[in-house]
All heavy atoms as atom14 arrays in JSON, in Angstrom:
{
  "sequence": "GADPVIRGRLPYAGREWVDLFMFDIHHTYCSMRTEETDGMRIETY",
  "atom14_mask": [
    [1, 1, 1, 1, 0, 0, 0, 0, 0, 0, 0, 0, 0, 0],
    [1, 1, 1, 1, 1, 0, 0, 0, 0, 0, 0, 0, 0, 0],
    [1, 1, 1, 1, 1, 1, 1, 1, 0, 0, 0, 0, 0, 0],
    [1, 1, 1, 1, 1, 1, 1, 0, 0, 0, 0, 0, 0, 0],
    [1, 1, 1, 1, 1, 1, 1, 0, 0, 0, 0, 0, 0, 0],
    [1, 1, 1, 1, 1, 1, 1, 1, 0, 0, 0, 0, 0, 0],
    [1, 1, 1, 1, 1, 1, 1, 1, 1, 1, 1, 0, 0, 0],
    [1, 1, 1, 1, 0, 0, 0, 0, 0, 0, 0, 0, 0, 0],
    [1, 1, 1, 1, 1, 1, 1, 1, 1, 1, 1, 0, 0, 0],
    [1, 1, 1, 1, 1, 1, 1, 1, 0, 0, 0, 0, 0, 0],
    [1, 1, 1, 1, 1, 1, 1, 0, 0, 0, 0, 0, 0, 0],
    [1, 1, 1, 1, 1, 1, 1, 1, 1, 1, 1, 1, 0, 0],
    [1, 1, 1, 1, 1, 0, 0, 0, 0, 0, 0, 0, 0, 0],
    [1, 1, 1, 1, 0, 0, 0, 0, 0, 0, 0, 0, 0, 0],
    [1, 1, 1, 1, 1, 1, 1, 1, 1, 1, 1, 0, 0, 0],
    [1, 1, 1, 1, 1, 1, 1, 1, 1, 0, 0, 0, 0, 0],
    [1, 1, 1, 1, 1, 1, 1, 1, 1, 1, 1, 1, 1, 1],
    [1, 1, 1, 1, 1, 1, 1, 0, 0, 0, 0, 0, 0, 0],
    [1, 1, 1, 1, 1, 1, 1, 1, 0, 0, 0, 0, 0, 0],
    [1, 1, 1, 1, 1, 1, 1, 1, 0, 0, 0, 0, 0, 0],
    [1, 1, 1, 1, 1, 1, 1, 1, 1, 1, 1, 0, 0, 0],
    [1, 1, 1, 1, 1, 1, 1, 1, 0, 0, 0, 0, 0, 0],
    [1, 1, 1, 1, 1, 1, 1, 1, 1, 1, 1, 0, 0, 0],
    [1, 1, 1, 1, 1, 1, 1, 1, 0, 0, 0, 0, 0, 0],
    [1, 1, 1, 1, 1, 1, 1, 1, 0, 0, 0, 0, 0, 0],
    [1, 1, 1, 1, 1, 1, 1, 1, 1, 1, 0, 0, 0, 0],
    [1, 1, 1, 1, 1, 1, 1, 1, 1, 1, 0, 0, 0, 0],
    [1, 1, 1, 1, 1, 1, 1, 0, 0, 0, 0, 0, 0, 0],
    [1, 1, 1, 1, 1, 1, 1, 1, 1, 1, 1, 1, 0, 0],
    [1, 1, 1, 1, 1, 1, 0, 0, 0, 0, 0, 0, 0, 0],
    [1, 1, 1, 1, 1, 1, 0, 0, 0, 0, 0, 0, 0, 0],
    [1, 1, 1, 1, 1, 1, 1, 1, 0, 0, 0, 0, 0, 0],
    [1, 1, 1, 1, 1, 1, 1, 1, 1, 1, 1, 0, 0, 0],
    [1, 1, 1, 1, 1, 1, 1, 0, 0, 0, 0, 0, 0, 0],
    [1, 1, 1, 1, 1, 1, 1, 1, 1, 0, 0, 0, 0, 0],
    [1, 1, 1, 1, 1, 1, 1, 1, 1, 0, 0, 0, 0, 0],
    [1, 1, 1, 1, 1, 1, 1, 0, 0, 0, 0, 0, 0, 0],
    [1, 1, 1, 1, 1, 1, 1, 1, 0, 0, 0, 0, 0, 0],
    [1, 1, 1, 1, 0, 0, 0, 0, 0, 0, 0, 0, 0, 0],
    [1, 1, 1, 1, 1, 1, 1, 1, 0, 0, 0, 0, 0, 0],
    [1, 1, 1, 1, 1, 1, 1, 1, 1, 1, 1, 0, 0, 0],
    [1, 1, 1, 1, 1, 1, 1, 1, 0, 0, 0, 0, 0, 0],
    [1, 1, 1, 1, 1, 1, 1, 1, 1, 0, 0, 0, 0, 0],
    [1, 1, 1, 1, 1, 1, 1, 0, 0, 0, 0, 0, 0, 0],
    [1, 1, 1, 1, 1, 1, 1, 1, 1, 1, 1, 1, 0, 0]
  ],
  "atom14_positions": [
    [[-22.87, 21.34, -113.76], [-22.35, 20.63, -114.93], [-21.26, 21.15, -115.62], [-20.98, 20.89, -116.84], [0.0, 0.0, 0.0], [0.0, 0.0, 0.0], [0.0, 0.0, 0.0], [0.0, 0.0, 0.0], [0.0, 0.0, 0.0], [0.0, 0.0, 0.0], [0.0, 0.0, 0.0], [0.0, 0.0, 0.0], [0.0, 0.0, 0.0], [0.0, 0.0, 0.0]],
    [[-20.46, 22.08, -114.94], [-19.32, 22.73, -115.56], [-18.05, 21.79, -115.49], [-18.09, 20.84, -114.77], [-19.03, 24.07, -114.88], [0.0, 0.0, 0.0], [0.0, 0.0, 0.0], [0.0, 0.0, 0.0], [0.0, 0.0, 0.0], [0.0, 0.0, 0.0], [0.0, 0.0, 0.0], [0.0, 0.0, 0.0], [0.0, 0.0, 0.0], [0.0, 0.0, 0.0]],
    [[-17.03, 22.13, -116.24], [-15.78, 21.47, -116.11], [-14.86, 22.38, -115.31], [-14.38, 23.46, -115.87], [-15.21, 21.31, -117.6], [-16.07, 20.36, -118.43], [-16.18, 19.23, -118.12], [-16.59, 20.89, -119.46], [0.0, 0.0, 0.0], [0.0, 0.0, 0.0], [0.0, 0.0, 0.0], [0.0, 0.0, 0.0], [0.0, 0.0, 0.0], [0.0, 0.0, 0.0]],
    [[-14.57, 22.07, -114.07], [-13.85, 22.96, -113.2], [-12.38, 23.17, -113.74], [-11.6, 22.24, -113.78], [-13.85, 22.26, -111.86], [-15.0, 21.34, -111.88], [-15.08, 20.89, -113.34], [0.0, 0.0, 0.0], [0.0, 0.0, 0.0], [0.0, 0.0, 0.0], [0.0, 0.0, 0.0], [0.0, 0.0, 0.0], [0.0, 0.0, 0.0], [0.0, 0.0, 0.0]],
    [[-12.05, 24.36, -114.12], [-10.7, 24.8, -114.46], [-10.39, 26.0, -113.63], [-10.99, 27.06, -113.75], [-10.55, 25.1, -115.98], [-9.11, 25.6, -116.24], [-10.92, 23.85, -116.82], [0.0, 0.0, 0.0], [0.0, 0.0, 0.0], [0.0, 0.0, 0.0], [0.0, 0.0, 0.0], [0.0, 0.0, 0.0], [0.0, 0.0, 0.0], [0.0, 0.0, 0.0]],
    [[-9.48, 25.85, -112.69], [-9.16, 26.91, -111.72], [-7.88, 27.56, -112.21], [-6.85, 27.0, -112.24], [-8.99, 26.41, -110.3], [-10.17, 25.52, -109.91], [-8.79, 27.56, -109.35], [-11.54, 26.24, -109.98], [0.0, 0.0, 0.0], [0.0, 0.0, 0.0], [0.0, 0.0, 0.0], [0.0, 0.0, 0.0], [0.0, 0.0, 0.0], [0.0, 0.0, 0.0]],
    [[-7.97, 28.87, -112.57], [-6.89, 29.56, -113.26], [-6.11, 30.47, -112.33], [-6.54, 31.49, -111.8], [-7.52, 30.47, -114.36], [-8.34, 29.69, -115.42], [-9.26, 30.62, -116.09], [-10.0, 30.03, -117.18], [-11.13, 29.39, -117.02], [-11.7, 29.19, -115.83], [-11.76, 28.94, -118.08], [0.0, 0.0, 0.0], [0.0, 0.0, 0.0], [0.0, 0.0, 0.0]],
    [[-4.84, 29.98, -112.0], [-3.98, 30.87, -111.32], [-4.15, 31.12, -109.81], [-3.56, 32.02, -109.25], [0.0, 0.0, 0.0], [0.0, 0.0, 0.0], [0.0, 0.0, 0.0], [0.0, 0.0, 0.0], [0.0, 0.0, 0.0], [0.0, 0.0, 0.0], [0.0, 0.0, 0.0], [0.0, 0.0, 0.0], [0.0, 0.0, 0.0], [0.0, 0.0, 0.0]],
    [[-5.0, 30.32, -109.22], [-5.28, 30.59, -107.82], [-5.81, 29.28, -107.16], [-6.1, 28.25, -107.84], [-6.37, 31.66, -107.64], [-7.63, 31.33, -108.47], [-8.71, 32.35, -108.35], [-9.8, 32.11, -109.27], [-10.77, 31.2, -109.02], [-10.74, 30.46, -107.91], [-11.74, 31.03, -109.97], [0.0, 0.0, 0.0], [0.0, 0.0, 0.0], [0.0, 0.0, 0.0]],
    [[-5.98, 29.32, -105.82], [-6.7, 28.2, -105.17], [-8.18, 28.32, -105.41], [-8.72, 29.44, -105.63], [-6.39, 28.28, -103.66], [-5.1, 27.51, -103.19], [-3.87, 28.13, -103.81], [-5.02, 27.55, -101.67], [0.0, 0.0, 0.0], [0.0, 0.0, 0.0], [0.0, 0.0, 0.0], [0.0, 0.0, 0.0], [0.0, 0.0, 0.0], [0.0, 0.0, 0.0]],
    [[-8.88, 27.21, -105.43], [-10.34, 27.33, -105.53], [-10.96, 28.1, -104.37], [-10.52, 28.01, -103.21], [-10.83, 25.84, -105.53], [-9.7, 25.11, -104.87], [-8.49, 25.83, -105.23], [0.0, 0.0, 0.0], [0.0, 0.0, 0.0], [0.0, 0.0, 0.0], [0.0, 0.0, 0.0], [0.0, 0.0, 0.0], [0.0, 0.0, 0.0], [0.0, 0.0, 0.0]],
    [[-11.97, 28.93, -104.64], [-12.61, 29.73, -103.66], [-13.15, 28.85, -102.58], [-14.0, 27.91, -102.85], [-13.69, 30.6, -104.19], [-13.22, 31.82, -104.87], [-13.41, 32.03, -106.25], [-12.54, 32.87, -104.2], [-13.03, 33.2, -106.86], [-12.13, 34.01, -104.83], [-12.37, 34.19, -106.12], [-11.92, 35.33, -106.78], [0.0, 0.0, 0.0], [0.0, 0.0, 0.0]],
    [[-12.85, 29.12, -101.31], [-13.6, 28.6, -100.14], [-14.42, 29.72, -99.49], [-15.51, 29.46, -99.01], [-12.57, 28.03, -99.13], [0.0, 0.0, 0.0], [0.0, 0.0, 0.0], [0.0, 0.0, 0.0], [0.0, 0.0, 0.0], [0.0, 0.0, 0.0], [0.0, 0.0, 0.0], [0.0, 0.0, 0.0], [0.0, 0.0, 0.0], [0.0, 0.0, 0.0]],
    [[-13.88, 30.94, -99.53], [-14.59, 32.13, -99.14], [-14.56, 33.11, -100.28], [-14.74, 32.8, -101.39], [0.0, 0.0, 0.0], [0.0, 0.0, 0.0], [0.0, 0.0, 0.0], [0.0, 0.0, 0.0], [0.0, 0.0, 0.0], [0.0, 0.0, 0.0], [0.0, 0.0, 0.0], [0.0, 0.0, 0.0], [0.0, 0.0, 0.0], [0.0, 0.0, 0.0]],
    [[-14.19, 34.37, -99.91], [-14.1, 35.41, -100.99], [-12.68, 35.76, -101.32], [-12.43, 36.49, -102.29], [-14.84, 36.72, -100.55], [-16.33, 36.6, -100.55], [-16.93, 37.99, -100.17], [-18.4, 38.02, -100.43], [-19.29, 37.51, -99.6], [-18.88, 36.98, -98.47], [-20.56, 37.54, -99.9], [0.0, 0.0, 0.0], [0.0, 0.0, 0.0], [0.0, 0.0, 0.0]],
    [[-11.74, 35.26, -100.57], [-10.36, 35.63, -100.7], [-9.74, 34.92, -101.92], [-9.82, 33.72, -102.04], [-9.57, 35.34, -99.47], [-8.14, 35.84, -99.48], [-7.35, 35.51, -98.2], [-7.94, 34.88, -97.32], [-6.25, 35.92, -98.13], [0.0, 0.0, 0.0], [0.0, 0.0, 0.0], [0.0, 0.0, 0.0], [0.0, 0.0, 0.0], [0.0, 0.0, 0.0]],
    [[-9.06, 35.75, -102.7], [-8.2, 35.26, -103.84], [-6.79, 34.87, -103.29], [-6.21, 35.67, -102.63], [-8.1, 36.3, -104.89], [-7.12, 35.89, -106.08], [-5.75, 35.71, -106.01], [-7.47, 35.76, -107.41], [-5.32, 35.43, -107.23], [-6.29, 35.47, -108.14], [-8.68, 35.88, -108.15], [-6.32, 35.25, -109.51], [-8.62, 35.64, -109.5], [-7.5, 35.4, -110.2]],
    [[-6.44, 33.6, -103.46], [-5.15, 33.17, -103.04], [-4.36, 32.6, -104.19], [-4.87, 31.63, -104.88], [-5.2, 32.03, -101.93], [-3.8, 31.6, -101.51], [-6.04, 32.56, -100.78], [0.0, 0.0, 0.0], [0.0, 0.0, 0.0], [0.0, 0.0, 0.0], [0.0, 0.0, 0.0], [0.0, 0.0, 0.0], [0.0, 0.0, 0.0], [0.0, 0.0, 0.0]],
    [[-3.26, 33.24, -104.59], [-2.48, 32.84, -105.77], [-1.93, 31.39, -105.61], [-1.6, 30.95, -104.53], [-1.3, 33.75, -106.0], [-1.75, 35.19, -106.27], [-2.7, 35.36, -107.12], [-1.15, 36.08, -105.74], [0.0, 0.0, 0.0], [0.0, 0.0, 0.0], [0.0, 0.0, 0.0], [0.0, 0.0, 0.0], [0.0, 0.0, 0.0], [0.0, 0.0, 0.0]],
    [[-1.91, 30.65, -106.75], [-1.35, 29.32, -106.78], [-0.03, 29.4, -107.55], [0.05, 29.44, -108.8], [-2.31, 28.32, -107.51], [-1.8, 26.89, -107.73], [-1.34, 26.27, -106.42], [-2.77, 26.06, -108.4], [0.0, 0.0, 0.0], [0.0, 0.0, 0.0], [0.0, 0.0, 0.0], [0.0, 0.0, 0.0], [0.0, 0.0, 0.0], [0.0, 0.0, 0.0]],
    [[1.08, 29.39, -106.84], [2.4, 29.41, -107.34], [3.09, 28.08, -107.37], [2.64, 27.21, -106.52], [3.29, 30.43, -106.64], [2.88, 31.84, -106.76], [2.82, 32.69, -105.69], [2.68, 32.38, -108.01], [2.45, 34.02, -105.82], [2.28, 33.66, -108.18], [2.23, 34.57, -107.07], [0.0, 0.0, 0.0], [0.0, 0.0, 0.0], [0.0, 0.0, 0.0]],
    [[4.05, 27.88, -108.14], [4.86, 26.6, -108.14], [6.25, 26.9, -107.6], [7.17, 26.23, -107.93], [4.91, 26.04, -109.5], [3.54, 25.64, -110.07], [2.79, 24.27, -109.21], [3.64, 22.89, -109.98], [0.0, 0.0, 0.0], [0.0, 0.0, 0.0], [0.0, 0.0, 0.0], [0.0, 0.0, 0.0], [0.0, 0.0, 0.0], [0.0, 0.0, 0.0]],
    [[6.38, 27.92, -106.85], [7.68, 28.42, -106.31], [7.43, 29.33, -105.12], [6.36, 29.86, -104.87], [8.49, 29.13, -107.35], [7.64, 30.12, -108.16], [7.34, 31.34, -107.61], [7.26, 29.89, -109.44], [6.53, 32.3, -108.3], [6.51, 30.74, -110.18], [6.17, 31.96, -109.54], [0.0, 0.0, 0.0], [0.0, 0.0, 0.0], [0.0, 0.0, 0.0]],
    [[8.47, 29.41, -104.25], [8.55, 30.43, -103.21], [9.33, 31.62, -103.68], [10.25, 31.49, -104.41], [9.18, 29.81, -101.94], [8.41, 28.58, -101.41], [7.14, 28.72, -101.41], [8.99, 27.62, -100.96], [0.0, 0.0, 0.0], [0.0, 0.0, 0.0], [0.0, 0.0, 0.0], [0.0, 0.0, 0.0], [0.0, 0.0, 0.0], [0.0, 0.0, 0.0]],
    [[8.93, 32.8, -103.18], [9.59, 34.04, -103.58], [10.32, 34.56, -102.33], [9.82, 34.67, -101.24], [8.56, 35.12, -103.95], [7.6, 34.51, -105.1], [9.21, 36.4, -104.42], [6.4, 35.34, -105.44], [0.0, 0.0, 0.0], [0.0, 0.0, 0.0], [0.0, 0.0, 0.0], [0.0, 0.0, 0.0], [0.0, 0.0, 0.0], [0.0, 0.0, 0.0]],
    [[11.57, 34.88, -102.59], [12.46, 35.42, -101.52], [13.15, 36.67, -101.95], [13.52, 36.82, -103.09], [13.5, 34.39, -101.12], [12.92, 33.12, -100.48], [12.43, 33.07, -99.23], [12.75, 31.89, -101.04], [11.95, 31.81, -99.08], [12.14, 31.1, -100.12], [0.0, 0.0, 0.0], [0.0, 0.0, 0.0], [0.0, 0.0, 0.0], [0.0, 0.0, 0.0]],
    [[13.38, 37.61, -101.01], [14.25, 38.78, -101.24], [15.26, 38.91, -100.17], [15.07, 38.46, -99.03], [13.33, 40.05, -101.23], [12.52, 40.26, -102.46], [13.0, 40.83, -103.58], [11.22, 39.89, -102.74], [12.03, 40.89, -104.48], [10.93, 40.25, -103.98], [0.0, 0.0, 0.0], [0.0, 0.0, 0.0], [0.0, 0.0, 0.0], [0.0, 0.0, 0.0]],
    [[16.4, 39.43, -100.54], [17.48, 39.58, -99.57], [17.53, 41.06, -99.1], [17.66, 41.2, -97.86], [18.87, 39.25, -100.24], [18.81, 37.9, -100.68], [20.02, 39.37, -99.19], [0.0, 0.0, 0.0], [0.0, 0.0, 0.0], [0.0, 0.0, 0.0], [0.0, 0.0, 0.0], [0.0, 0.0, 0.0], [0.0, 0.0, 0.0], [0.0, 0.0, 0.0]],
    [[17.47, 41.99, -99.93], [17.62, 43.35, -99.54], [16.28, 44.19, -99.69], [16.18, 45.29, -99.17], [18.71, 44.08, -100.41], [20.02, 43.41, -100.27], [20.54, 42.61, -101.29], [20.79, 43.5, -99.1], [21.74, 41.95, -101.17], [21.99, 42.86, -99.01], [22.51, 42.06, -100.06], [23.69, 41.45, -99.92], [0.0, 0.0, 0.0], [0.0, 0.0, 0.0]],
    [[15.34, 43.62, -100.45], [14.1, 44.37, -100.7], [12.92, 43.68, -99.87], [13.06, 42.55, -99.52], [13.76, 44.29, -102.18], [14.99, 45.2, -103.18], [0.0, 0.0, 0.0], [0.0, 0.0, 0.0], [0.0, 0.0, 0.0], [0.0, 0.0, 0.0], [0.0, 0.0, 0.0], [0.0, 0.0, 0.0], [0.0, 0.0, 0.0], [0.0, 0.0, 0.0]],
    [[11.87, 44.42, -99.82], [10.71, 43.84, -99.09], [9.45, 44.61, -99.54], [9.45, 45.63, -100.2], [10.84, 43.96, -97.55], [10.89, 45.34, -97.18], [0.0, 0.0, 0.0], [0.0, 0.0, 0.0], [0.0, 0.0, 0.0], [0.0, 0.0, 0.0], [0.0, 0.0, 0.0], [0.0, 0.0, 0.0], [0.0, 0.0, 0.0], [0.0, 0.0, 0.0]],
    [[8.24, 44.03, -99.16], [7.01, 44.66, -99.48], [6.09, 44.59, -98.29], [6.02, 43.58, -97.63], [6.34, 44.03, -100.66], [5.18, 44.83, -101.21], [3.57, 44.58, -100.39], [2.92, 43.12, -101.35], [0.0, 0.0, 0.0], [0.0, 0.0, 0.0], [0.0, 0.0, 0.0], [0.0, 0.0, 0.0], [0.0, 0.0, 0.0], [0.0, 0.0, 0.0]],
    [[5.44, 45.65, -97.9], [4.51, 45.64, -96.8], [3.21, 46.28, -97.23], [3.19, 47.09, -98.1], [5.03, 46.33, -95.56], [5.19, 47.85, -95.7], [5.69, 48.49, -94.44], [5.59, 49.89, -94.44], [6.55, 50.7, -94.97], [7.65, 50.17, -95.48], [6.44, 52.02, -95.03], [0.0, 0.0, 0.0], [0.0, 0.0, 0.0], [0.0, 0.0, 0.0]],
    [[2.09, 45.86, -96.66], [0.78, 46.36, -96.96], [0.1, 46.94, -95.73], [0.1, 46.33, -94.65], [-0.09, 45.28, -97.57], [0.51, 44.73, -98.76], [-1.49, 45.79, -97.89], [0.0, 0.0, 0.0], [0.0, 0.0, 0.0], [0.0, 0.0, 0.0], [0.0, 0.0, 0.0], [0.0, 0.0, 0.0], [0.0, 0.0, 0.0], [0.0, 0.0, 0.0]],
    [[-0.5, 48.11, -95.89], [-1.26, 48.74, -94.85], [-2.64, 49.17, -95.33], [-2.78, 49.64, -96.48], [-0.5, 50.02, -94.36], [0.94, 49.81, -93.93], [1.68, 51.12, -93.7], [2.27, 51.6, -94.69], [1.64, 51.64, -92.58], [0.0, 0.0, 0.0], [0.0, 0.0, 0.0], [0.0, 0.0, 0.0], [0.0, 0.0, 0.0], [0.0, 0.0, 0.0]],
    [[-3.68, 49.01, -94.49], [-5.01, 49.37, -94.89], [-5.56, 50.32, -93.82], [-5.46, 50.04, -92.66], [-5.84, 48.13, -94.99], [-5.63, 47.23, -96.22], [-6.61, 46.11, -96.37], [-7.73, 46.22, -95.73], [-6.31, 45.21, -97.13], [0.0, 0.0, 0.0], [0.0, 0.0, 0.0], [0.0, 0.0, 0.0], [0.0, 0.0, 0.0], [0.0, 0.0, 0.0]],
    [[-6.16, 51.42, -94.3], [-6.72, 52.41, -93.44], [-7.68, 53.29, -94.12], [-7.43, 53.72, -95.25], [-5.61, 53.28, -92.76], [-6.27, 54.26, -91.9], [-4.79, 53.99, -93.77], [0.0, 0.0, 0.0], [0.0, 0.0, 0.0], [0.0, 0.0, 0.0], [0.0, 0.0, 0.0], [0.0, 0.0, 0.0], [0.0, 0.0, 0.0], [0.0, 0.0, 0.0]],
    [[-8.88, 53.46, -93.55], [-9.87, 54.37, -94.1], [-10.21, 54.05, -95.54], [-10.31, 55.04, -96.42], [-9.44, 55.84, -93.99], [-9.28, 56.3, -92.46], [-9.99, 55.72, -91.65], [-8.38, 57.06, -92.19], [0.0, 0.0, 0.0], [0.0, 0.0, 0.0], [0.0, 0.0, 0.0], [0.0, 0.0, 0.0], [0.0, 0.0, 0.0], [0.0, 0.0, 0.0]],
    [[-10.36, 52.85, -95.88], [-10.72, 52.49, -97.24], [-9.62, 52.66, -98.28], [-9.85, 52.52, -99.5], [0.0, 0.0, 0.0], [0.0, 0.0, 0.0], [0.0, 0.0, 0.0], [0.0, 0.0, 0.0], [0.0, 0.0, 0.0], [0.0, 0.0, 0.0], [0.0, 0.0, 0.0], [0.0, 0.0, 0.0], [0.0, 0.0, 0.0], [0.0, 0.0, 0.0]],
    [[-8.4, 52.75, -97.81], [-7.28, 52.79, -98.67], [-6.29, 51.71, -98.38], [-6.11, 51.37, -97.18], [-6.49, 54.15, -98.51], [-7.36, 55.38, -98.71], [-8.05, 55.54, -100.45], [-6.53, 56.06, -101.29], [0.0, 0.0, 0.0], [0.0, 0.0, 0.0], [0.0, 0.0, 0.0], [0.0, 0.0, 0.0], [0.0, 0.0, 0.0], [0.0, 0.0, 0.0]],
    [[-5.65, 51.08, -99.36], [-4.63, 50.07, -99.11], [-3.37, 50.55, -99.79], [-3.39, 50.88, -101.01], [-5.08, 48.75, -99.75], [-4.05, 47.63, -99.43], [-4.63, 46.33, -99.92], [-4.63, 46.2, -101.35], [-5.37, 45.41, -102.05], [-6.25, 44.62, -101.42], [-5.37, 45.39, -103.37], [0.0, 0.0, 0.0], [0.0, 0.0, 0.0], [0.0, 0.0, 0.0]],
    [[-2.31, 50.59, -98.96], [-0.98, 51.11, -99.53], [0.01, 49.95, -99.51], [0.28, 49.33, -98.45], [-0.48, 52.25, -98.67], [-1.47, 53.39, -98.67], [0.87, 52.76, -99.2], [-1.11, 54.53, -97.74], [0.0, 0.0, 0.0], [0.0, 0.0, 0.0], [0.0, 0.0, 0.0], [0.0, 0.0, 0.0], [0.0, 0.0, 0.0], [0.0, 0.0, 0.0]],
    [[0.5, 49.63, -100.72], [1.53, 48.59, -100.84], [2.88, 49.3, -101.01], [3.11, 50.04, -102.05], [1.25, 47.69, -101.99], [-0.07, 46.89, -101.81], [-0.59, 46.27, -103.1], [-0.05, 46.53, -104.19], [-1.53, 45.45, -102.95], [0.0, 0.0, 0.0], [0.0, 0.0, 0.0], [0.0, 0.0, 0.0], [0.0, 0.0, 0.0], [0.0, 0.0, 0.0]],
    [[3.77, 49.11, -100.06], [5.1, 49.81, -100.14], [6.18, 48.83, -100.46], [6.39, 47.85, -99.7], [5.38, 50.46, -98.79], [4.35, 51.44, -98.48], [6.78, 51.26, -98.87], [0.0, 0.0, 0.0], [0.0, 0.0, 0.0], [0.0, 0.0, 0.0], [0.0, 0.0, 0.0], [0.0, 0.0, 0.0], [0.0, 0.0, 0.0], [0.0, 0.0, 0.0]],
    [[6.93, 49.09, -101.53], [8.01, 48.23, -101.94], [9.28, 48.93, -101.52], [9.58, 50.03, -102.02], [8.0, 47.96, -103.44], [6.78, 47.11, -103.89], [5.59, 47.73, -104.13], [6.97, 45.81, -104.1], [4.5, 47.0, -104.58], [5.85, 45.02, -104.53], [4.63, 45.68, -104.69], [3.59, 44.93, -105.18], [0.0, 0.0, 0.0], [0.0, 0.0, 0.0]]
  ]
}
């Protein structure tokens, strides 16, 4: 009986959070990569 208001993301289908943007993001000279190992996640800009 709730009023569904989904804030800043797609509605959950599983457990993953997926952002809901109104634009695409592009970089020319910069980038970001993600690595996961042994319970650690490293985001390198």
